[in-house]
Amino acid sequence: MTVTHVQLLSVPVADQDRARDFYVDVLGFELVRDNPMGPDGGRWVQVAPSGAATALTLVTWFPSMPPGSLKGLVLETDDLDADVVRLRERGVALPDGDVHVAPWGRYVTFDDPDGNGIVLQETSI
């Protein structure tokens, strides 16, 4: 096998505009593309952290992936404390409360507007 990287991860959402706004305006991702797709008025909405090799595509068309069914999307940060402040300022609920400490680093959990579970972590080892 000659796999070089993960290109895309599909995130199941109900409303692509709302999801795009969350990932871009709240999490600070870049909008890679937002293009028409297919004959039925579908859209290809792709976002990614700046400079990342892997992007997220915000999908509505997979019956086997209902909105909110993705759990455990892990995002890495260099400054968890500052990002927690920003998330709270932008109205993101952190249901577990404070930052959790683990042997490998620190993290918080939260959901996107559709209930997809996200872990924001700062790895220390």
PDB file of N, CA and C in Angstrom:
ATOM      1  N   MET A   1       0.840  -1.186   0.000  1.00  0.00           N
ATOM      2  CA  MET A   1       0.000   0.000   0.000  1.00  0.00           C
ATOM      3  C   MET A   1       0.877   1.239   0.000  1.00  0.00           C
ATOM      4  N   THR A   2       0.369   2.289  -0.644  1.00  0.00           N
ATOM      5  CA  THR A   2       1.140   3.528  -0.744  1.00  0.00           C
ATOM      6  C   THR A   2       0.345   4.725  -0.237  1.00  0.00           C
ATOM      7  N   VAL A   3      -0.455   4.513   0.796  1.00  0.00           N
ATOM      8  CA  VAL A   3      -1.234   5.604   1.381  1.00  0.00           C
ATOM      9  C   VAL A   3      -0.273   6.628   1.967  1.00  0.00           C
ATOM     10  N   THR A   4      -0.497   7.899   1.655  1.00  0.00           N
ATOM     11  CA  THR A   4       0.383   8.958   2.147  1.00  0.00           C
ATOM     12  C   THR A   4      -0.234   9.807   3.238  1.00  0.00           C
ATOM     13  N   HIS A   5      -1.563   9.929   3.253  1.00  0.00           N
ATOM     14  CA  HIS A   5      -2.231  10.702   4.291  1.00  0.00           C
ATOM     15  C   HIS A   5      -3.743  10.511   4.187  1.00  0.00           C
ATOM     16  N   VAL A   6      -4.445  10.958   5.216  1.00  0.00           N
ATOM     17  CA  VAL A   6      -5.903  10.981   5.171  1.00  0.00           C
ATOM     18  C   VAL A   6      -6.293  12.300   4.525  1.00  0.00           C
ATOM     19  N   GLN A   7      -7.026  12.232   3.429  1.00  0.00           N
ATOM     20  CA  GLN A   7      -7.400  13.447   2.707  1.00  0.00           C
ATOM     21  C   GLN A   7      -8.646  14.097   3.280  1.00  0.00           C
ATOM     22  N   LEU A   8      -9.708  13.296   3.495  1.00  0.00           N
ATOM     23  CA  LEU A   8     -11.002  13.830   3.922  1.00  0.00           C
ATOM     24  C   LEU A   8     -11.617  12.972   5.005  1.00  0.00           C
ATOM     25  N   LEU A   9     -12.374  13.610   5.848  1.00  0.00           N
ATOM     26  CA  LEU A   9     -13.226  12.934   6.810  1.00  0.00           C
ATOM     27  C   LEU A   9     -14.613  13.538   6.639  1.00  0.00           C
ATOM     28  N   SER A  10     -15.614  12.709   6.432  1.00  0.00           N
ATOM     29  CA  SER A  10     -16.979  13.194   6.260  1.00  0.00           C
ATOM     30  C   SER A  10     -17.636  13.386   7.618  1.00  0.00           C
ATOM     31  N   VAL A  11     -18.188  14.571   7.829  1.00  0.00           N
ATOM     32  CA  VAL A  11     -18.895  14.898   9.065  1.00  0.00           C
ATOM     33  C   VAL A  11     -20.378  15.048   8.707  1.00  0.00           C
ATOM     34  N   PRO A  12     -21.247  14.187   9.267  1.00  0.00           N
ATOM     35  CA  PRO A  12     -22.671  14.232   8.905  1.00  0.00           C
ATOM     36  C   PRO A  12     -23.396  15.378   9.611  1.00  0.00           C
ATOM     37  N   VAL A  13     -24.009  16.244   8.811  1.00  0.00           N
ATOM     38  CA  VAL A  13     -24.696  17.420   9.345  1.00  0.00           C
ATOM     39  C   VAL A  13     -26.090  17.535   8.734  1.00  0.00           C
ATOM     40  N   ALA A  14     -26.954  18.286   9.386  1.00  0.00           N
ATOM     41  CA  ALA A  14     -28.306  18.528   8.879  1.00  0.00           C
ATOM     42  C   ALA A  14     -28.355  19.784   8.018  1.00  0.00           C
ATOM     43  N   ASP A  15     -27.574  20.778   8.368  1.00  0.00           N
ATOM     44  CA  ASP A  15     -27.607  22.081   7.707  1.00  0.00           C
ATOM     45  C   ASP A  15     -26.171  22.489   7.391  1.00  0.00           C
ATOM     46  N   GLN A  16     -25.809  22.457   6.125  1.00  0.00           N
ATOM     47  CA  GLN A  16     -24.422  22.738   5.737  1.00  0.00           C
ATOM     48  C   GLN A  16     -24.016  24.172   6.038  1.00  0.00           C
ATOM     49  N   ASP A  17     -24.932  25.126   5.900  1.00  0.00           N
ATOM     50  CA  ASP A  17     -24.584  26.515   6.208  1.00  0.00           C
ATOM     51  C   ASP A  17     -24.260  26.679   7.691  1.00  0.00           C
ATOM     52  N   ARG A  18     -25.109  26.133   8.551  1.00  0.00           N
ATOM     53  CA  ARG A  18     -24.886  26.235   9.997  1.00  0.00           C
ATOM     54  C   ARG A  18     -23.583  25.536  10.377  1.00  0.00           C
ATOM     55  N   ALA A  19     -23.340  24.356   9.825  1.00  0.00           N
ATOM     56  CA  ALA A  19     -22.115  23.619  10.124  1.00  0.00           C
ATOM     57  C   ALA A  19     -20.892  24.373   9.616  1.00  0.00           C
ATOM     58  N   ARG A  20     -20.965  24.886   8.394  1.00  0.00           N
ATOM     59  CA  ARG A  20     -19.843  25.665   7.834  1.00  0.00           C
ATOM     60  C   ARG A  20     -19.529  26.846   8.739  1.00  0.00           C
ATOM     61  N   ASP A  21     -20.552  27.566   9.168  1.00  0.00           N
ATOM     62  CA  ASP A  21     -20.337  28.728  10.034  1.00  0.00           C
ATOM     63  C   ASP A  21     -19.686  28.326  11.353  1.00  0.00           C
ATOM     64  N   PHE A  22     -20.085  27.191  11.916  1.00  0.00           N
ATOM     65  CA  PHE A  22     -19.489  26.728  13.168  1.00  0.00           C
ATOM     66  C   PHE A  22     -18.007  26.389  12.965  1.00  0.00           C
ATOM     67  N   TYR A  23     -17.711  25.590  11.967  1.00  0.00           N
ATOM     68  CA  TYR A  23     -16.326  25.170  11.768  1.00  0.00           C
ATOM     69  C   TYR A  23     -15.424  26.331  11.351  1.00  0.00           C
ATOM     70  N   VAL A  24     -15.948  27.287  10.599  1.00  0.00           N
ATOM     71  CA  VAL A  24     -15.145  28.424  10.158  1.00  0.00           C
ATOM     72  C   VAL A  24     -15.120  29.532  11.219  1.00  0.00           C
ATOM     73  N   ASP A  25     -16.278  29.985  11.665  1.00  0.00           N
ATOM     74  CA  ASP A  25     -16.347  31.143  12.556  1.00  0.00           C
ATOM     75  C   ASP A  25     -16.032  30.816  14.008  1.00  0.00           C
ATOM     76  N   VAL A  26     -16.395  29.632  14.468  1.00  0.00           N
ATOM     77  CA  VAL A  26     -16.165  29.267  15.868  1.00  0.00           C
ATOM     78  C   VAL A  26     -14.827  28.555  16.039  1.00  0.00           C
ATOM     79  N   LEU A  27     -14.564  27.547  15.214  1.00  0.00           N
ATOM     80  CA  LEU A  27     -13.329  26.778  15.375  1.00  0.00           C
ATOM     81  C   LEU A  27     -12.143  27.357  14.605  1.00  0.00           C
ATOM     82  N   GLY A  28     -12.395  28.291  13.689  1.00  0.00           N
ATOM     83  CA  GLY A  28     -11.299  28.947  12.977  1.00  0.00           C
ATOM     84  C   GLY A  28     -10.760  28.185  11.785  1.00  0.00           C
ATOM     85  N   PHE A  29     -11.520  27.197  11.293  1.00  0.00           N
ATOM     86  CA  PHE A  29     -11.100  26.474  10.095  1.00  0.00           C
ATOM     87  C   PHE A  29     -11.198  27.409   8.889  1.00  0.00           C
ATOM     88  N   GLU A  30     -10.512  27.032   7.824  1.00  0.00           N
ATOM     89  CA  GLU A  30     -10.629  27.758   6.559  1.00  0.00           C
ATOM     90  C   GLU A  30     -11.675  27.065   5.686  1.00  0.00           C
ATOM     91  N   LEU A  31     -12.425  27.841   4.945  1.00  0.00           N
ATOM     92  CA  LEU A  31     -13.346  27.286   3.966  1.00  0.00           C
ATOM     93  C   LEU A  31     -12.521  26.935   2.733  1.00  0.00           C
ATOM     94  N   VAL A  32     -12.403  25.647   2.445  1.00  0.00           N
ATOM     95  CA  VAL A  32     -11.619  25.180   1.306  1.00  0.00           C
ATOM     96  C   VAL A  32     -12.437  25.310   0.031  1.00  0.00           C
ATOM     97  N   ARG A  33     -13.700  24.839   0.093  1.00  0.00           N
ATOM     98  CA  ARG A  33     -14.596  25.007  -1.053  1.00  0.00           C
ATOM     99  C   ARG A  33     -16.038  24.859  -0.615  1.00  0.00           C
ATOM    100  N   ASP A  34     -16.890  25.514  -1.348  1.00  0.00           N
ATOM    101  CA  ASP A  34     -18.342  25.429  -1.170  1.00  0.00           C
ATOM    102  C   ASP A  34     -18.920  25.508  -2.577  1.00  0.00           C
ATOM    103  N   ASN A  35     -19.083  24.337  -3.204  1.00  0.00           N
ATOM    104  CA  ASN A  35     -19.451  24.265  -4.613  1.00  0.00           C
ATOM    105  C   ASN A  35     -20.721  23.457  -4.816  1.00  0.00           C
ATOM    106  N   PRO A  36     -21.474  23.789  -5.865  1.00  0.00           N
ATOM    107  CA  PRO A  36     -22.609  22.930  -6.224  1.00  0.00           C
ATOM    108  C   PRO A  36     -22.104  21.526  -6.554  1.00  0.00           C
ATOM    109  N   MET A  37     -22.956  20.527  -6.245  1.00  0.00           N
ATOM    110  CA  MET A  37     -22.564  19.149  -6.510  1.00  0.00           C
ATOM    111  C   MET A  37     -23.797  18.369  -6.936  1.00  0.00           C
ATOM    112  N   GLY A  38     -23.750  17.805  -8.112  1.00  0.00           N
ATOM    113  CA  GLY A  38     -24.835  16.948  -8.575  1.00  0.00           C
ATOM    114  C   GLY A  38     -26.035  17.716  -9.087  1.00  0.00           C
ATOM    115  N   PRO A  39     -26.974  16.992  -9.667  1.00  0.00           N
ATOM    116  CA  PRO A  39     -28.128  17.619 -10.302  1.00  0.00           C
ATOM    117  C   PRO A  39     -29.250  18.000  -9.335  1.00  0.00           C
ATOM    118  N   ASP A  40     -29.166  17.557  -8.075  1.00  0.00           N
ATOM    119  CA  ASP A  40     -30.270  17.777  -7.140  1.00  0.00           C
ATOM    120  C   ASP A  40     -30.054  18.949  -6.195  1.00  0.00           C
ATOM    121  N   GLY A  41     -29.198  19.872  -6.548  1.00  0.00           N
ATOM    122  CA  GLY A  41     -28.966  21.043  -5.712  1.00  0.00           C
ATOM    123  C   GLY A  41     -28.060  20.777  -4.527  1.00  0.00           C
ATOM    124  N   GLY A  42     -27.329  19.667  -4.543  1.00  0.00           N
ATOM    125  CA  GLY A  42     -26.409  19.354  -3.459  1.00  0.00           C
ATOM    126  C   GLY A  42     -25.193  20.269  -3.484  1.00  0.00           C
ATOM    127  N   ARG A  43     -24.451  20.231  -2.374  1.00  0.00           N
ATOM    128  CA  ARG A  43     -23.254  21.071  -2.267  1.00  0.00           C
ATOM    129  C   ARG A  43     -22.108  20.260  -1.690  1.00  0.00           C
ATOM    130  N   TRP A  44     -20.916  20.612  -2.110  1.00  0.00           N
ATOM    131  CA  TRP A  44     -19.695  20.085  -1.538  1.00  0.00           C
ATOM    132  C   TRP A  44     -19.117  21.196  -0.675  1.00  0.00           C
ATOM    133  N   VAL A  45     -19.186  21.014   0.635  1.00  0.00           N
ATOM    134  CA  VAL A  45     -18.672  22.007   1.575  1.00  0.00           C
ATOM    135  C   VAL A  45     -17.498  21.360   2.305  1.00  0.00           C
ATOM    136  N   GLN A  46     -16.329  21.954   2.130  1.00  0.00           N
ATOM    137  CA  GLN A  46     -15.094  21.386   2.680  1.00  0.00           C
ATOM    138  C   GLN A  46     -14.380  22.453   3.501  1.00  0.00           C
ATOM    139  N   VAL A  47     -13.983  22.093   4.716  1.00  0.00           N
ATOM    140  CA  VAL A  47     -13.270  22.994   5.620  1.00  0.00           C
ATOM    141  C   VAL A  47     -12.035  22.280   6.149  1.00  0.00           C
ATOM    142  N   ALA A  48     -11.056  23.068   6.611  1.00  0.00           N
ATOM    143  CA  ALA A  48      -9.833  22.473   7.153  1.00  0.00           C
ATOM    144  C   ALA A  48      -9.112  23.478   8.031  1.00  0.00           C
ATOM    145  N   PRO A  49      -8.386  22.988   9.031  1.00  0.00           N
ATOM    146  CA  PRO A  49      -7.488  23.883   9.753  1.00  0.00           C
ATOM    147  C   PRO A  49      -6.435  24.419   8.783  1.00  0.00           C
ATOM    148  N   SER A  50      -5.962  25.600   9.026  1.00  0.00           N
ATOM    149  CA  SER A  50      -4.957  26.206   8.159  1.00  0.00           C
ATOM    150  C   SER A  50      -3.736  25.306   8.031  1.00  0.00           C
ATOM    151  N   GLY A  51      -3.359  24.977   6.797  1.00  0.00           N
ATOM    152  CA  GLY A  51      -2.167  24.187   6.525  1.00  0.00           C
ATOM    153  C   GLY A  51      -2.304  22.693   6.771  1.00  0.00           C
ATOM    154  N   ALA A  52      -3.495  22.220   7.122  1.00  0.00           N
ATOM    155  CA  ALA A  52      -3.682  20.807   7.441  1.00  0.00           C
ATOM    156  C   ALA A  52      -3.696  19.942   6.187  1.00  0.00           C
ATOM    157  N   ALA A  53      -3.235  18.709   6.319  1.00  0.00           N
ATOM    158  CA  ALA A  53      -3.288  17.755   5.220  1.00  0.00           C
ATOM    159  C   ALA A  53      -4.669  17.129   5.089  1.00  0.00           C
ATOM    160  N   THR A  54      -5.413  17.099   6.188  1.00  0.00           N
ATOM    161  CA  THR A  54      -6.734  16.486   6.193  1.00  0.00           C
ATOM    162  C   THR A  54      -7.811  17.546   6.311  1.00  0.00           C
ATOM    163  N   ALA A  55      -8.849  17.413   5.503  1.00  0.00           N
ATOM    164  CA  ALA A  55      -9.979  18.339   5.532  1.00  0.00           C
ATOM    165  C   ALA A  55     -11.231  17.592   5.969  1.00  0.00           C
ATOM    166  N   LEU A  56     -12.245  18.346   6.348  1.00  0.00           N
ATOM    167  CA  LEU A  56     -13.559  17.802   6.666  1.00  0.00           C
ATOM    168  C   LEU A  56     -14.521  18.194   5.563  1.00  0.00           C
ATOM    169  N   THR A  57     -15.349  17.266   5.151  1.00  0.00           N
ATOM    170  CA  THR A  57     -16.429  17.610   4.240  1.00  0.00           C
ATOM    171  C   THR A  57     -17.729  17.458   5.024  1.00  0.00           C
ATOM    172  N   LEU A  58     -18.563  18.466   4.953  1.00  0.00           N
ATOM    173  CA  LEU A  58     -19.805  18.538   5.727  1.00  0.00           C
ATOM    174  C   LEU A  58     -20.915  17.966   4.865  1.00  0.00           C
ATOM    175  N   VAL A  59     -21.321  16.726   5.173  1.00  0.00           N
ATOM    176  CA  VAL A  59     -22.181  15.963   4.279  1.00  0.00           C
ATOM    177  C   VAL A  59     -23.602  15.835   4.810  1.00  0.00           C
ATOM    178  N   THR A  60     -24.533  15.782   3.852  1.00  0.00           N
ATOM    179  CA  THR A  60     -25.954  15.604   4.179  1.00  0.00           C
ATOM    180  C   THR A  60     -26.562  14.421   3.435  1.00  0.00           C
ATOM    181  N   TRP A  61     -25.795  13.742   2.625  1.00  0.00           N
ATOM    182  CA  TRP A  61     -26.364  12.789   1.669  1.00  0.00           C
ATOM    183  C   TRP A  61     -26.125  11.315   1.976  1.00  0.00           C
ATOM    184  N   PHE A  62     -25.588  10.963   3.114  1.00  0.00           N
ATOM    185  CA  PHE A  62     -25.364   9.555   3.439  1.00  0.00           C
ATOM    186  C   PHE A  62     -26.426   9.071   4.424  1.00  0.00           C
ATOM    187  N   PRO A  63     -27.387   8.250   3.976  1.00  0.00           N
ATOM    188  CA  PRO A  63     -28.423   7.764   4.890  1.00  0.00           C
ATOM    189  C   PRO A  63     -27.855   6.970   6.068  1.00  0.00           C
ATOM    190  N   SER A  64     -26.716   6.341   5.878  1.00  0.00           N
ATOM    191  CA  SER A  64     -26.118   5.556   6.958  1.00  0.00           C
ATOM    192  C   SER A  64     -25.341   6.416   7.958  1.00  0.00           C
ATOM    193  N   MET A  65     -25.268   7.742   7.695  1.00  0.00           N
ATOM    194  CA  MET A  65     -24.565   8.665   8.586  1.00  0.00           C
ATOM    195  C   MET A  65     -25.504   9.801   8.972  1.00  0.00           C
ATOM    196  N   PRO A  66     -26.399   9.578   9.923  1.00  0.00           N
ATOM    197  CA  PRO A  66     -27.302  10.659  10.308  1.00  0.00           C
ATOM    198  C   PRO A  66     -26.544  11.793  11.002  1.00  0.00           C
ATOM    199  N   PRO A  67     -27.051  13.016  10.892  1.00  0.00           N
ATOM    200  CA  PRO A  67     -26.400  14.140  11.560  1.00  0.00           C
ATOM    201  C   PRO A  67     -26.170  13.822  13.039  1.00  0.00           C
ATOM    202  N   GLY A  68     -24.966  14.134  13.503  1.00  0.00           N
ATOM    203  CA  GLY A  68     -24.626  13.924  14.898  1.00  0.00           C
ATOM    204  C   GLY A  68     -24.070  12.554  15.212  1.00  0.00           C
ATOM    205  N   SER A  69     -23.911  11.697  14.229  1.00  0.00           N
ATOM    206  CA  SER A  69     -23.469  10.327  14.493  1.00  0.00           C
ATOM    207  C   SER A  69     -21.954  10.160  14.589  1.00  0.00           C
ATOM    208  N   LEU A  70     -21.193  11.192  14.261  1.00  0.00           N
ATOM    209  CA  LEU A  70     -19.737  11.116  14.368  1.00  0.00           C
ATOM    210  C   LEU A  70     -19.332  11.428  15.807  1.00  0.00           C
ATOM    211  N   LYS A  71     -18.566  10.551  16.397  1.00  0.00           N
ATOM    212  CA  LYS A  71     -18.073  10.758  17.764  1.00  0.00           C
ATOM    213  C   LYS A  71     -16.568  10.562  17.762  1.00  0.00           C
ATOM    214  N   GLY A  72     -15.865  11.372  18.538  1.00  0.00           N
ATOM    215  CA  GLY A  72     -14.430  11.177  18.695  1.00  0.00           C
ATOM    216  C   GLY A  72     -13.563  11.866  17.667  1.00  0.00           C
ATOM    217  N   LEU A  73     -14.054  12.928  17.034  1.00  0.00           N
ATOM    218  CA  LEU A  73     -13.198  13.722  16.163  1.00  0.00           C
ATOM    219  C   LEU A  73     -12.212  14.468  17.062  1.00  0.00           C
ATOM    220  N   VAL A  74     -10.922  14.182  16.923  1.00  0.00           N
ATOM    221  CA  VAL A  74      -9.906  14.768  17.801  1.00  0.00           C
ATOM    222  C   VAL A  74      -9.171  15.862  17.046  1.00  0.00           C
ATOM    223  N   LEU A  75      -9.180  17.057  17.628  1.00  0.00           N
ATOM    224  CA  LEU A  75      -8.479  18.204  17.070  1.00  0.00           C
ATOM    225  C   LEU A  75      -7.343  18.576  18.016  1.00  0.00           C
ATOM    226  N   GLU A  76      -6.188  18.870  17.472  1.00  0.00           N
ATOM    227  CA  GLU A  76      -5.012  19.224  18.275  1.00  0.00           C
ATOM    228  C   GLU A  76      -4.869  20.745  18.318  1.00  0.00           C
ATOM    229  N   THR A  77      -4.463  21.272  19.475  1.00  0.00           N
ATOM    230  CA  THR A  77      -4.209  22.697  19.636  1.00  0.00           C
ATOM    231  C   THR A  77      -2.889  22.908  20.353  1.00  0.00           C
ATOM    232  N   ASP A  78      -2.292  24.065  20.145  1.00  0.00           N
ATOM    233  CA  ASP A  78      -1.066  24.432  20.848  1.00  0.00           C
ATOM    234  C   ASP A  78      -1.353  25.226  22.116  1.00  0.00           C
ATOM    235  N   ASP A  79      -2.601  25.700  22.278  1.00  0.00           N
ATOM    236  CA  ASP A  79      -2.947  26.526  23.437  1.00  0.00           C
ATOM    237  C   ASP A  79      -4.373  26.221  23.874  1.00  0.00           C
ATOM    238  N   LEU A  80      -4.538  25.138  24.594  1.00  0.00           N
ATOM    239  CA  LEU A  80      -5.858  24.694  25.020  1.00  0.00           C
ATOM    240  C   LEU A  80      -6.555  25.738  25.885  1.00  0.00           C
ATOM    241  N   ASP A  81      -5.834  26.360  26.814  1.00  0.00           N
ATOM    242  CA  ASP A  81      -6.468  27.328  27.711  1.00  0.00           C
ATOM    243  C   ASP A  81      -7.078  28.491  26.941  1.00  0.00           C
ATOM    244  N   ALA A  82      -6.341  29.049  25.994  1.00  0.00           N
ATOM    245  CA  ALA A  82      -6.862  30.162  25.199  1.00  0.00           C
ATOM    246  C   ALA A  82      -8.032  29.713  24.329  1.00  0.00           C
ATOM    247  N   ASP A  83      -7.948  28.508  23.788  1.00  0.00           N
ATOM    248  CA  ASP A  83      -9.035  28.013  22.950  1.00  0.00           C
ATOM    249  C   ASP A  83     -10.293  27.743  23.759  1.00  0.00           C
ATOM    250  N   VAL A  84     -10.156  27.282  24.990  1.00  0.00           N
ATOM    251  CA  VAL A  84     -11.322  27.080  25.854  1.00  0.00           C
ATOM    252  C   VAL A  84     -12.017  28.413  26.115  1.00  0.00           C
ATOM    253  N   VAL A  85     -11.240  29.449  26.368  1.00  0.00           N
ATOM    254  CA  VAL A  85     -11.825  30.786  26.562  1.00  0.00           C
ATOM    255  C   VAL A  85     -12.571  31.210  25.308  1.00  0.00           C
ATOM    256  N   ARG A  86     -11.966  31.029  24.133  1.00  0.00           N
ATOM    257  CA  ARG A  86     -12.605  31.410  22.863  1.00  0.00           C
ATOM    258  C   ARG A  86     -13.894  30.611  22.627  1.00  0.00           C
ATOM    259  N   LEU A  87     -13.852  29.307  22.898  1.00  0.00           N
ATOM    260  CA  LEU A  87     -15.056  28.492  22.717  1.00  0.00           C
ATOM    261  C   LEU A  87     -16.193  29.004  23.598  1.00  0.00           C
ATOM    262  N   ARG A  88     -15.897  29.269  24.845  1.00  0.00           N
ATOM    263  CA  ARG A  88     -16.935  29.770  25.761  1.00  0.00           C
ATOM    264  C   ARG A  88     -17.450  31.136  25.313  1.00  0.00           C
ATOM    265  N   GLU A  89     -16.548  32.010  24.871  1.00  0.00           N
ATOM    266  CA  GLU A  89     -16.966  33.332  24.381  1.00  0.00           C
ATOM    267  C   GLU A  89     -17.882  33.212  23.167  1.00  0.00           C
ATOM    268  N   ARG A  90     -17.693  32.162  22.383  1.00  0.00           N
ATOM    269  CA  ARG A  90     -18.488  31.960  21.172  1.00  0.00           C
ATOM    270  C   ARG A  90     -19.707  31.080  21.423  1.00  0.00           C
ATOM    271  N   GLY A  91     -19.998  30.830  22.709  1.00  0.00           N
ATOM    272  CA  GLY A  91     -21.220  30.137  23.077  1.00  0.00           C
ATOM    273  C   GLY A  91     -21.186  28.624  23.019  1.00  0.00           C
ATOM    274  N   VAL A  92     -20.004  28.039  22.930  1.00  0.00           N
ATOM    275  CA  VAL A  92     -19.904  26.578  22.876  1.00  0.00           C
ATOM    276  C   VAL A  92     -19.974  26.028  24.299  1.00  0.00           C
ATOM    277  N   ALA A  93     -20.899  25.114  24.528  1.00  0.00           N
ATOM    278  CA  ALA A  93     -21.030  24.470  25.833  1.00  0.00           C
ATOM    279  C   ALA A  93     -19.993  23.367  25.968  1.00  0.00           C
ATOM    280  N   LEU A  94     -19.324  23.349  27.098  1.00  0.00           N
ATOM    281  CA  LEU A  94     -18.373  22.292  27.418  1.00  0.00           C
ATOM    282  C   LEU A  94     -19.032  21.439  28.495  1.00  0.00           C
ATOM    283  N   PRO A  95     -19.732  20.378  28.080  1.00  0.00           N
ATOM    284  CA  PRO A  95     -20.576  19.635  29.010  1.00  0.00           C
ATOM    285  C   PRO A  95     -19.832  18.987  30.167  1.00  0.00           C
ATOM    286  N   ASP A  96     -18.561  18.667  29.980  1.00  0.00           N
ATOM    287  CA  ASP A  96     -17.794  18.066  31.061  1.00  0.00           C
ATOM    288  C   ASP A  96     -17.137  19.120  31.949  1.00  0.00           C
ATOM    289  N   GLY A  97     -17.387  20.384  31.661  1.00  0.00           N
ATOM    290  CA  GLY A  97     -16.852  21.458  32.503  1.00  0.00           C
ATOM    291  C   GLY A  97     -15.424  21.818  32.175  1.00  0.00           C
ATOM    292  N   ASP A  98     -14.569  21.609  33.131  1.00  0.00           N
ATOM    293  CA  ASP A  98     -13.188  22.060  33.028  1.00  0.00           C
ATOM    294  C   ASP A  98     -12.337  21.159  32.137  1.00  0.00           C
ATOM    295  N   VAL A  99     -11.108  21.591  31.980  1.00  0.00           N
ATOM    296  CA  VAL A  99     -10.118  20.840  31.212  1.00  0.00           C
ATOM    297  C   VAL A  99      -9.772  19.550  31.964  1.00  0.00           C
ATOM    298  N   HIS A 100      -9.725  18.453  31.240  1.00  0.00           N
ATOM    299  CA  HIS A 100      -9.335  17.161  31.812  1.00  0.00           C
ATOM    300  C   HIS A 100      -7.847  16.943  31.594  1.00  0.00           C
ATOM    301  N   VAL A 101      -7.217  16.325  32.575  1.00  0.00           N
ATOM    302  CA  VAL A 101      -5.786  16.037  32.495  1.00  0.00           C
ATOM    303  C   VAL A 101      -5.605  14.531  32.350  1.00  0.00           C
ATOM    304  N   ALA A 102      -4.767  14.145  31.407  1.00  0.00           N
ATOM    305  CA  ALA A 102      -4.462  12.736  31.157  1.00  0.00           C
ATOM    306  C   ALA A 102      -2.939  12.586  31.091  1.00  0.00           C
ATOM    307  N   PRO A 103      -2.426  11.369  31.163  1.00  0.00           N
ATOM    308  CA  PRO A 103      -0.967  11.179  31.104  1.00  0.00           C
ATOM    309  C   PRO A 103      -0.332  11.741  29.831  1.00  0.00           C
ATOM    310  N   TRP A 104      -1.071  11.809  28.755  1.00  0.00           N
ATOM    311  CA  TRP A 104      -0.542  12.270  27.466  1.00  0.00           C
ATOM    312  C   TRP A 104      -0.780  13.755  27.190  1.00  0.00           C
ATOM    313  N   GLY A 105      -1.597  14.426  28.021  1.00  0.00           N
ATOM    314  CA  GLY A 105      -1.880  15.842  27.792  1.00  0.00           C
ATOM    315  C   GLY A 105      -3.173  16.267  28.456  1.00  0.00           C
ATOM    316  N   ARG A 106      -3.809  17.294  27.892  1.00  0.00           N
ATOM    317  CA  ARG A 106      -5.042  17.853  28.448  1.00  0.00           C
ATOM    318  C   ARG A 106      -6.070  17.974  27.325  1.00  0.00           C
ATOM    319  N   TYR A 107      -7.374  17.972  27.701  1.00  0.00           N
ATOM    320  CA  TYR A 107      -8.414  18.027  26.672  1.00  0.00           C
ATOM    321  C   TYR A 107      -9.740  18.507  27.241  1.00  0.00           C
ATOM    322  N   VAL A 108     -10.604  18.949  26.320  1.00  0.00           N
ATOM    323  CA  VAL A 108     -12.009  19.235  26.600  1.00  0.00           C
ATOM    324  C   VAL A 108     -12.837  18.544  25.518  1.00  0.00           C
ATOM    325  N   THR A 109     -14.100  18.317  25.831  1.00  0.00           N
ATOM    326  CA  THR A 109     -15.010  17.741  24.840  1.00  0.00           C
ATOM    327  C   THR A 109     -16.195  18.676  24.645  1.00  0.00           C
ATOM    328  N   PHE A 110     -16.741  18.647  23.431  1.00  0.00           N
ATOM    329  CA  PHE A 110     -17.930  19.430  23.115  1.00  0.00           C
ATOM    330  C   PHE A 110     -18.529  18.876  21.840  1.00  0.00           C
ATOM    331  N   ASP A 111     -19.684  19.374  21.482  1.00  0.00           N
ATOM    332  CA  ASP A 111     -20.368  18.938  20.266  1.00  0.00           C
ATOM    333  C   ASP A 111     -20.488  20.087  19.281  1.00  0.00           C
ATOM    334  N   ASP A 112     -20.516  19.738  17.997  1.00  0.00           N
ATOM    335  CA  ASP A 112     -20.860  20.742  16.993  1.00  0.00           C
ATOM    336  C   ASP A 112     -22.380  20.934  17.030  1.00  0.00           C
ATOM    337  N   PRO A 113     -22.939  21.833  16.230  1.00  0.00           N
ATOM    338  CA  PRO A 113     -24.386  22.093  16.303  1.00  0.00           C
ATOM    339  C   PRO A 113     -25.275  20.886  16.020  1.00  0.00           C
ATOM    340  N   ASP A 114     -24.743  19.860  15.363  1.00  0.00           N
ATOM    341  CA  ASP A 114     -25.530  18.664  15.072  1.00  0.00           C
ATOM    342  C   ASP A 114     -25.350  17.559  16.100  1.00  0.00           C
ATOM    343  N   GLY A 115     -24.443  17.764  17.057  1.00  0.00           N
ATOM    344  CA  GLY A 115     -24.197  16.735  18.060  1.00  0.00           C
ATOM    345  C   GLY A 115     -23.028  15.828  17.754  1.00  0.00           C
ATOM    346  N   ASN A 116     -22.261  16.132  16.715  1.00  0.00           N
ATOM    347  CA  ASN A 116     -21.042  15.371  16.451  1.00  0.00           C
ATOM    348  C   ASN A 116     -20.047  15.678  17.570  1.00  0.00           C
ATOM    349  N   GLY A 117     -19.473  14.629  18.172  1.00  0.00           N
ATOM    350  CA  GLY A 117     -18.596  14.793  19.322  1.00  0.00           C
ATOM    351  C   GLY A 117     -17.170  15.141  18.945  1.00  0.00           C
ATOM    352  N   ILE A 118     -16.654  16.197  19.572  1.00  0.00           N
ATOM    353  CA  ILE A 118     -15.307  16.699  19.285  1.00  0.00           C
ATOM    354  C   ILE A 118     -14.484  16.696  20.562  1.00  0.00           C
ATOM    355  N   VAL A 119     -13.225  16.292  20.432  1.00  0.00           N
ATOM    356  CA  VAL A 119     -12.239  16.381  21.503  1.00  0.00           C
ATOM    357  C   VAL A 119     -11.195  17.396  21.064  1.00  0.00           C
ATOM    358  N   LEU A 120     -10.981  18.430  21.861  1.00  0.00           N
ATOM    359  CA  LEU A 120      -9.926  19.399  21.593  1.00  0.00           C
ATOM    360  C   LEU A 120      -8.822  19.125  22.603  1.00  0.00           C
ATOM    361  N   GLN A 121      -7.642  18.762  22.093  1.00  0.00           N
ATOM    362  CA  GLN A 121      -6.583  18.341  22.997  1.00  0.00           C
ATOM    363  C   GLN A 121      -5.291  19.090  22.743  1.00  0.00           C
ATOM    364  N   GLU A 122      -4.502  19.164  23.812  1.00  0.00           N
ATOM    365  CA  GLU A 122      -3.148  19.698  23.758  1.00  0.00           C
ATOM    366  C   GLU A 122      -2.243  18.574  24.258  1.00  0.00           C
ATOM    367  N   THR A 123      -1.522  17.960  23.351  1.00  0.00           N
ATOM    368  CA  THR A 123      -0.680  16.824  23.689  1.00  0.00           C
ATOM    369  C   THR A 123       0.625  17.323  24.302  1.00  0.00           C
ATOM    370  N   SER A 124       1.032  16.674  25.396  1.00  0.00           N
ATOM    371  CA  SER A 124       2.253  17.116  26.077  1.00  0.00           C
ATOM    372  C   SER A 124       3.406  16.134  25.915  1.00  0.00           C
ATOM    373  N   ILE A 125       3.162  14.980  25.324  1.00  0.00           N
ATOM    374  CA  ILE A 125       4.265  14.039  25.120  1.00  0.00           C
ATOM    375  C   ILE A 125       4.397  13.695  23.655  1.00  0.00           C
TER     376      ILE A 125
END
